[in-house]
Amino acid sequence: MGLFGSRDTTPQGLYDSGKNVQVVGGAVLDLKAGKMLAARRSYPRTLAGGWELPGGKLERGESHERALARELWEELRIRVQVGVRVPGEWRLNEHAKMRIYVATITGGNLNPREHDQLKWLAPSQVNDVRWLINDVRPVRAAMTVLSSMMKG
């Protein structure tokens, strides 16, 4: 499957009620360098200093791809092309689930609004940062996708 292959067919807004929240994260890739973007949280205090894949919550009626593009603009001031979904879905808590999508930067300049540091990590560097506990498995899955893309 290519970078911009199949799309998610989940109905829009499936997890946008107050009881069930869908979160989308971006595996923002630099395919030339073979690296993925990691972002360090600056708040809230309980998450500050932890590293994550950037992204956020879907708004009512919003697709995962549209939500990711919006969130990456709001958080990092980058425009992206959203690609394939990283296989898997991860429970964040009793009300929230997260999906990850591959994205590549098409415009803007990295200017973090909710993070105090950004790093581009190669697969061999994935353990160089302290990931938020809920991002560990999604990051591993995203790095597997990156590694397969670099081979193919």
Protein backbone atom coordinates (compact mmCIF):
# COMPACT_ATOMS: atom_id res chain seq x y z
CA MET A 1 0.00 0.00 0.00
CA GLY A 2 1.43 3.42 -0.92
CA LEU A 3 1.76 6.51 1.23
CA PHE A 4 -1.43 8.06 -0.05
CA GLY A 5 -3.35 4.83 -0.62
CA SER A 6 -6.59 3.70 0.93
CA ARG A 7 -8.67 5.98 3.10
CA ASP A 8 -10.49 5.26 6.34
CA THR A 9 -14.15 4.45 5.72
CA THR A 10 -15.38 5.00 9.29
CA PRO A 11 -18.44 7.29 9.28
CA GLN A 12 -17.61 10.87 10.16
CA GLY A 13 -18.27 11.89 13.73
CA LEU A 14 -18.41 8.32 15.01
CA TYR A 15 -16.54 9.25 18.20
CA ASP A 16 -17.49 12.90 18.61
CA SER A 17 -20.07 12.68 21.39
CA GLY A 18 -19.22 13.65 24.96
CA LYS A 19 -19.08 9.99 25.97
CA ASN A 20 -16.89 8.72 23.15
CA VAL A 21 -14.04 10.87 21.93
CA GLN A 22 -11.93 10.08 18.89
CA VAL A 23 -8.39 11.46 18.89
CA VAL A 24 -6.23 11.56 15.79
CA GLY A 25 -2.45 11.72 15.80
CA GLY A 26 -0.05 12.49 13.02
CA ALA A 27 2.94 10.38 12.09
CA VAL A 28 4.49 13.38 10.32
CA LEU A 29 7.19 11.89 8.12
CA ASP A 30 10.21 13.24 6.32
CA LEU A 31 10.64 10.43 3.81
CA LYS A 32 13.91 11.81 2.37
CA ALA A 33 15.55 11.76 5.80
CA GLY A 34 13.68 8.66 7.01
CA LYS A 35 12.45 10.43 10.14
CA MET A 36 9.24 11.08 12.07
CA LEU A 37 8.34 14.22 14.02
CA ALA A 38 7.99 14.04 17.80
CA ALA A 39 6.57 16.88 19.89
CA ARG A 40 7.14 17.56 23.60
CA ARG A 41 4.09 18.75 25.56
CA SER A 42 4.37 22.00 27.49
CA TYR A 43 1.03 21.60 29.29
CA PRO A 44 -1.05 20.53 31.15
CA ARG A 45 1.31 20.02 34.06
CA THR A 46 0.52 16.27 34.22
CA LEU A 47 1.69 15.81 30.60
CA ALA A 48 4.38 18.54 30.38
CA GLY A 49 7.75 17.17 29.31
CA GLY A 50 6.25 14.05 27.72
CA TRP A 51 6.66 13.40 24.01
CA GLU A 52 3.79 12.62 21.66
CA LEU A 53 2.66 12.46 18.09
CA PRO A 54 0.93 15.80 17.40
CA GLY A 55 -2.82 15.84 16.85
CA GLY A 56 -6.06 16.22 18.77
CA LYS A 57 -9.77 15.57 19.06
CA LEU A 58 -12.21 15.32 16.20
CA GLU A 59 -14.91 17.96 16.09
CA ARG A 60 -18.53 16.96 15.43
CA GLY A 61 -18.96 15.68 11.87
CA GLU A 62 -15.25 15.98 11.07
CA SER A 63 -13.33 13.21 9.33
CA HIS A 64 -10.10 11.93 10.84
CA GLU A 65 -8.09 13.30 7.93
CA ARG A 66 -9.65 16.76 8.14
CA ALA A 67 -9.21 16.82 11.93
CA LEU A 68 -5.54 15.94 11.61
CA ALA A 69 -4.90 18.63 9.01
CA ARG A 70 -6.69 21.20 11.22
CA GLU A 71 -4.89 20.12 14.40
CA LEU A 72 -1.45 20.21 12.76
CA TRP A 73 -2.14 23.71 11.49
CA GLU A 74 -3.39 24.86 14.90
CA GLU A 75 -0.57 23.19 16.87
CA LEU A 76 2.42 23.50 14.53
CA ARG A 77 1.45 25.91 11.74
CA ILE A 78 2.09 23.33 9.04
CA ARG A 79 -0.03 22.26 6.11
CA VAL A 80 0.02 18.53 5.45
CA GLN A 81 -1.10 15.90 3.03
CA VAL A 82 -2.72 13.17 5.09
CA GLY A 83 -1.97 9.66 3.89
CA VAL A 84 -2.78 6.17 5.04
CA ARG A 85 -3.98 5.17 8.46
CA VAL A 86 -1.39 3.42 10.61
CA PRO A 87 -2.85 -0.01 11.47
CA GLY A 88 -4.40 -0.11 14.93
CA GLU A 89 -6.55 1.90 17.30
CA TRP A 90 -5.47 2.68 20.85
CA ARG A 91 -7.60 3.32 23.91
CA LEU A 92 -6.48 6.42 25.79
CA ASN A 93 -9.01 6.10 28.62
CA GLU A 94 -12.55 4.80 29.12
CA HIS A 95 -13.97 7.44 26.75
CA ALA A 96 -11.26 8.09 24.18
CA LYS A 97 -9.62 6.15 21.35
CA MET A 98 -6.76 7.25 19.13
CA ARG A 99 -5.96 6.57 15.50
CA ILE A 100 -2.77 7.57 13.74
CA TYR A 101 -2.38 8.71 10.13
CA VAL A 102 0.73 9.27 8.07
CA ALA A 103 1.21 12.90 7.01
CA THR A 104 3.81 14.82 5.03
CA ILE A 105 4.41 18.56 5.21
CA THR A 106 3.31 20.51 2.14
CA GLY A 107 3.52 24.06 3.49
CA GLY A 108 3.99 26.36 6.43
CA ASN A 109 6.90 26.50 8.85
CA LEU A 110 7.13 24.45 12.02
CA ASN A 111 6.10 26.84 14.78
CA PRO A 112 4.85 24.93 17.83
CA ARG A 113 1.96 26.44 19.81
CA GLU A 114 1.31 23.67 22.36
CA HIS A 115 4.75 22.07 22.47
CA ASP A 116 8.06 23.41 23.73
CA GLN A 117 10.32 21.21 21.63
CA LEU A 118 10.20 19.25 18.36
CA LYS A 119 12.54 16.50 17.17
CA TRP A 120 12.86 14.50 13.98
CA LEU A 121 13.58 10.89 14.97
CA ALA A 122 14.88 8.01 12.87
CA PRO A 123 13.62 4.53 13.79
CA SER A 124 16.89 3.92 15.67
CA GLN A 125 16.25 7.06 17.78
CA VAL A 126 12.67 6.29 18.84
CA ASN A 127 13.74 5.54 22.41
CA ASP A 128 15.75 8.77 22.74
CA VAL A 129 12.73 10.63 24.13
CA ARG A 130 10.30 9.91 26.99
CA TRP A 131 7.00 9.18 25.21
CA LEU A 132 3.69 9.70 26.96
CA ILE A 133 2.51 6.24 27.98
CA ASN A 134 -0.47 6.33 25.59
CA ASP A 135 1.80 7.14 22.64
CA VAL A 136 4.29 4.27 23.04
CA ARG A 137 2.35 1.63 21.06
CA PRO A 138 1.14 4.05 18.35
CA VAL A 139 4.71 5.34 17.89
CA ARG A 140 6.01 1.78 17.45
CA ALA A 141 3.31 1.11 14.86
CA ALA A 142 4.09 4.37 13.02
CA MET A 143 7.82 3.59 13.00
CA THR A 144 7.03 0.18 11.49
CA VAL A 145 5.18 1.96 8.69
CA LEU A 146 8.08 4.40 8.20
CA SER A 147 10.59 1.53 8.09
CA SER A 148 8.52 -0.35 5.49
CA MET A 149 8.21 2.80 3.37
CA MET A 150 11.97 3.31 3.43
CA LYS A 151 12.51 -0.28 2.21
CA GLY A 152 9.88 -0.10 -0.51
